[in-house]
PDB file of N, CA and C in Angstrom:
ATOM      1  N   UNK A   1       4.038 -34.972  23.388  1.00  0.00           N
ATOM      2  CA  UNK A   1       4.353 -34.629  24.784  1.00  0.00           C
ATOM      3  C   UNK A   1       3.384 -33.543  25.254  1.00  0.00           C
ATOM      4  N   UNK A   2       2.855 -33.727  26.429  1.00  0.00           N
ATOM      5  CA  UNK A   2       1.900 -32.756  26.955  1.00  0.00           C
ATOM      6  C   UNK A   2       2.628 -31.546  27.514  1.00  0.00           C
ATOM      7  N   UNK A   3       1.922 -30.431  27.632  1.00  0.00           N
ATOM      8  CA  UNK A   3       2.539 -29.213  28.163  1.00  0.00           C
ATOM      9  C   UNK A   3       2.944 -29.415  29.620  1.00  0.00           C
ATOM     10  N   UNK A   4       2.114 -30.141  30.365  1.00  0.00           N
ATOM     11  CA  UNK A   4       2.411 -30.362  31.777  1.00  0.00           C
ATOM     12  C   UNK A   4       3.689 -31.181  31.925  1.00  0.00           C
ATOM     13  N   UNK A   5       3.854 -32.178  31.047  1.00  0.00           N
ATOM     14  CA  UNK A   5       5.019 -33.047  31.150  1.00  0.00           C
ATOM     15  C   UNK A   5       6.313 -32.279  30.877  1.00  0.00           C
ATOM     16  N   UNK A   6       6.248 -31.298  29.962  1.00  0.00           N
ATOM     17  CA  UNK A   6       7.455 -30.566  29.609  1.00  0.00           C
ATOM     18  C   UNK A   6       7.952 -29.685  30.754  1.00  0.00           C
ATOM     19  N   UNK A   7       7.080 -29.414  31.731  1.00  0.00           N
ATOM     20  CA  UNK A   7       7.486 -28.546  32.840  1.00  0.00           C
ATOM     21  C   UNK A   7       7.924 -29.328  34.082  1.00  0.00           C
ATOM     22  N   UNK A   8       7.871 -30.665  34.018  1.00  0.00           N
ATOM     23  CA  UNK A   8       8.327 -31.450  35.172  1.00  0.00           C
ATOM     24  C   UNK A   8       9.841 -31.370  35.266  1.00  0.00           C
ATOM     25  N   UNK A   9      10.392 -31.285  36.471  1.00  0.00           N
ATOM     26  CA  UNK A   9      11.844 -31.211  36.620  1.00  0.00           C
ATOM     27  C   UNK A   9      12.500 -32.522  36.177  1.00  0.00           C
ATOM     28  N   UNK A  10      13.726 -32.456  35.661  1.00  0.00           N
ATOM     29  CA  UNK A  10      14.410 -33.669  35.219  1.00  0.00           C
ATOM     30  C   UNK A  10      14.763 -34.561  36.403  1.00  0.00           C
ATOM     31  N   UNK A  11      14.921 -35.869  36.155  1.00  0.00           N
ATOM     32  CA  UNK A  11      15.330 -36.775  37.233  1.00  0.00           C
ATOM     33  C   UNK A  11      16.666 -36.339  37.834  1.00  0.00           C
ATOM     34  N   UNK A  12      16.898 -36.712  39.077  1.00  0.00           N
ATOM     35  CA  UNK A  12      18.116 -36.284  39.775  1.00  0.00           C
ATOM     36  C   UNK A  12      19.379 -36.828  39.107  1.00  0.00           C
ATOM     37  N   UNK A  13      19.239 -37.926  38.352  1.00  0.00           N
ATOM     38  CA  UNK A  13      20.409 -38.540  37.730  1.00  0.00           C
ATOM     39  C   UNK A  13      20.962 -37.671  36.600  1.00  0.00           C
ATOM     40  N   UNK A  14      20.098 -36.817  36.028  1.00  0.00           N
ATOM     41  CA  UNK A  14      20.564 -35.972  34.932  1.00  0.00           C
ATOM     42  C   UNK A  14      21.201 -34.706  35.483  1.00  0.00           C
ATOM     43  N   UNK A  15      22.239 -34.206  34.803  1.00  0.00           N
ATOM     44  CA  UNK A  15      22.840 -32.945  35.226  1.00  0.00           C
ATOM     45  C   UNK A  15      21.851 -31.818  34.992  1.00  0.00           C
ATOM     46  N   UNK A  16      21.826 -30.810  35.843  1.00  0.00           N
ATOM     47  CA  UNK A  16      20.890 -29.702  35.666  1.00  0.00           C
ATOM     48  C   UNK A  16      21.150 -28.974  34.354  1.00  0.00           C
ATOM     49  N   UNK A  17      20.086 -28.646  33.653  1.00  0.00           N
ATOM     50  CA  UNK A  17      20.224 -27.921  32.388  1.00  0.00           C
ATOM     51  C   UNK A  17      20.085 -26.434  32.680  1.00  0.00           C
ATOM     52  N   UNK A  18      21.040 -25.668  32.199  1.00  0.00           N
ATOM     53  CA  UNK A  18      21.004 -24.228  32.462  1.00  0.00           C
ATOM     54  C   UNK A  18      19.871 -23.567  31.687  1.00  0.00           C
ATOM     55  N   UNK A  19      19.469 -22.413  32.176  1.00  0.00           N
ATOM     56  CA  UNK A  19      18.393 -21.677  31.516  1.00  0.00           C
ATOM     57  C   UNK A  19      18.783 -21.340  30.079  1.00  0.00           C
ATOM     58  N   UNK A  20      20.051 -20.995  29.887  1.00  0.00           N
ATOM     59  CA  UNK A  20      20.527 -20.649  28.542  1.00  0.00           C
ATOM     60  C   UNK A  20      20.379 -21.842  27.599  1.00  0.00           C
ATOM     61  N   UNK A  21      20.713 -23.037  28.103  1.00  0.00           N
ATOM     62  CA  UNK A  21      20.584 -24.239  27.270  1.00  0.00           C
ATOM     63  C   UNK A  21      19.126 -24.500  26.917  1.00  0.00           C
ATOM     64  N   UNK A  22      18.232 -24.318  27.907  1.00  0.00           N
ATOM     65  CA  UNK A  22      16.798 -24.536  27.644  1.00  0.00           C
ATOM     66  C   UNK A  22      16.295 -23.537  26.607  1.00  0.00           C
ATOM     67  N   UNK A  23      16.715 -22.267  26.737  1.00  0.00           N
ATOM     68  CA  UNK A  23      16.285 -21.242  25.784  1.00  0.00           C
ATOM     69  C   UNK A  23      16.819 -21.549  24.389  1.00  0.00           C
ATOM     70  N   UNK A  24      18.075 -21.981  24.310  1.00  0.00           N
ATOM     71  CA  UNK A  24      18.669 -22.301  23.014  1.00  0.00           C
ATOM     72  C   UNK A  24      17.927 -23.465  22.361  1.00  0.00           C
ATOM     73  N   UNK A  25      17.583 -24.470  23.158  1.00  0.00           N
ATOM     74  CA  UNK A  25      16.878 -25.631  22.619  1.00  0.00           C
ATOM     75  C   UNK A  25      15.494 -25.222  22.119  1.00  0.00           C
ATOM     76  N   UNK A  26      14.829 -24.359  22.883  1.00  0.00           N
ATOM     77  CA  UNK A  26      13.491 -23.916  22.486  1.00  0.00           C
ATOM     78  C   UNK A  26      13.567 -23.066  21.214  1.00  0.00           C
ATOM     79  N   UNK A  27      14.573 -22.216  21.137  1.00  0.00           N
ATOM     80  CA  UNK A  27      14.757 -21.372  19.957  1.00  0.00           C
ATOM     81  C   UNK A  27      15.048 -22.223  18.728  1.00  0.00           C
ATOM     82  N   UNK A  28      15.878 -23.260  18.908  1.00  0.00           N
ATOM     83  CA  UNK A  28      16.209 -24.154  17.792  1.00  0.00           C
ATOM     84  C   UNK A  28      14.951 -24.879  17.310  1.00  0.00           C
ATOM     85  N   UNK A  29      14.153 -25.353  18.247  1.00  0.00           N
ATOM     86  CA  UNK A  29      12.932 -26.058  17.876  1.00  0.00           C
ATOM     87  C   UNK A  29      11.999 -25.128  17.103  1.00  0.00           C
ATOM     88  N   UNK A  30      11.936 -23.869  17.538  1.00  0.00           N
ATOM     89  CA  UNK A  30      11.063 -22.903  16.862  1.00  0.00           C
ATOM     90  C   UNK A  30      11.566 -22.642  15.445  1.00  0.00           C
ATOM     91  N   UNK A  31      12.891 -22.510  15.286  1.00  0.00           N
ATOM     92  CA  UNK A  31      13.454 -22.287  13.950  1.00  0.00           C
ATOM     93  C   UNK A  31      13.190 -23.494  13.055  1.00  0.00           C
ATOM     94  N   UNK A  32      13.365 -24.704  13.600  1.00  0.00           N
ATOM     95  CA  UNK A  32      13.117 -25.910  12.812  1.00  0.00           C
ATOM     96  C   UNK A  32      11.664 -25.952  12.352  1.00  0.00           C
ATOM     97  N   UNK A  33      10.766 -25.571  13.256  1.00  0.00           N
ATOM     98  CA  UNK A  33       9.341 -25.577  12.944  1.00  0.00           C
ATOM     99  C   UNK A  33       9.053 -24.582  11.819  1.00  0.00           C
ATOM    100  N   UNK A  34       9.660 -23.392  11.895  1.00  0.00           N
ATOM    101  CA  UNK A  34       9.444 -22.383  10.861  1.00  0.00           C
ATOM    102  C   UNK A  34      10.011 -22.850   9.525  1.00  0.00           C
ATOM    103  N   UNK A  35      11.188 -23.483   9.557  1.00  0.00           N
ATOM    104  CA  UNK A  35      11.803 -23.963   8.325  1.00  0.00           C
ATOM    105  C   UNK A  35      10.915 -25.026   7.680  1.00  0.00           C
ATOM    106  N   UNK A  36      10.373 -25.904   8.515  1.00  0.00           N
ATOM    107  CA  UNK A  36       9.494 -26.970   8.021  1.00  0.00           C
ATOM    108  C   UNK A  36       8.243 -26.363   7.394  1.00  0.00           C
ATOM    109  N   UNK A  37       7.651 -25.377   8.060  1.00  0.00           N
ATOM    110  CA  UNK A  37       6.446 -24.736   7.542  1.00  0.00           C
ATOM    111  C   UNK A  37       6.741 -24.015   6.226  1.00  0.00           C
ATOM    112  N   UNK A  38       7.870 -23.338   6.145  1.00  0.00           N
ATOM    113  CA  UNK A  38       8.244 -22.625   4.927  1.00  0.00           C
ATOM    114  C   UNK A  38       8.445 -23.604   3.777  1.00  0.00           C
ATOM    115  N   UNK A  39       9.065 -24.750   4.084  1.00  0.00           N
ATOM    116  CA  UNK A  39       9.291 -25.776   3.071  1.00  0.00           C
ATOM    117  C   UNK A  39       7.953 -26.279   2.516  1.00  0.00           C
ATOM    118  N   UNK A  40       7.028 -26.553   3.455  1.00  0.00           N
ATOM    119  CA  UNK A  40       5.720 -27.064   3.060  1.00  0.00           C
ATOM    120  C   UNK A  40       4.970 -26.030   2.204  1.00  0.00           C
ATOM    121  N   UNK A  41       5.074 -24.763   2.608  1.00  0.00           N
ATOM    122  CA  UNK A  41       4.396 -23.692   1.883  1.00  0.00           C
ATOM    123  C   UNK A  41       4.974 -23.571   0.472  1.00  0.00           C
ATOM    124  N   UNK A  42       6.298 -23.654   0.364  1.00  0.00           N
ATOM    125  CA  UNK A  42       6.953 -23.554  -0.938  1.00  0.00           C
ATOM    126  C   UNK A  42       6.543 -24.723  -1.834  1.00  0.00           C
ATOM    127  N   UNK A  43       6.446 -25.903  -1.245  1.00  0.00           N
ATOM    128  CA  UNK A  43       6.062 -27.087  -2.019  1.00  0.00           C
ATOM    129  C   UNK A  43       4.628 -26.942  -2.525  1.00  0.00           C
ATOM    130  N   UNK A  44       3.778 -26.363  -1.689  1.00  0.00           N
ATOM    131  CA  UNK A  44       2.377 -26.206  -2.076  1.00  0.00           C
ATOM    132  C   UNK A  44       2.241 -25.121  -3.153  1.00  0.00           C
ATOM    133  N   UNK A  45       3.057 -24.085  -3.064  1.00  0.00           N
ATOM    134  CA  UNK A  45       2.980 -22.982  -4.025  1.00  0.00           C
ATOM    135  C   UNK A  45       3.562 -23.388  -5.383  1.00  0.00           C
ATOM    136  N   UNK A  46       4.506 -24.313  -5.378  1.00  0.00           N
ATOM    137  CA  UNK A  46       5.162 -24.733  -6.624  1.00  0.00           C
ATOM    138  C   UNK A  46       4.192 -25.471  -7.541  1.00  0.00           C
TER     139      UNK A  46
END
């Protein structure tokens, strides 16, 4: 997904997503990314 696409507003059919929900989703994605990187690093170090 491109950066520009992620900033387009959702279609009118979808309920508006609150800022808190967007922040929580972004935080979760960041944590998942860190967990994945840590896993890969541990596998490489083993």
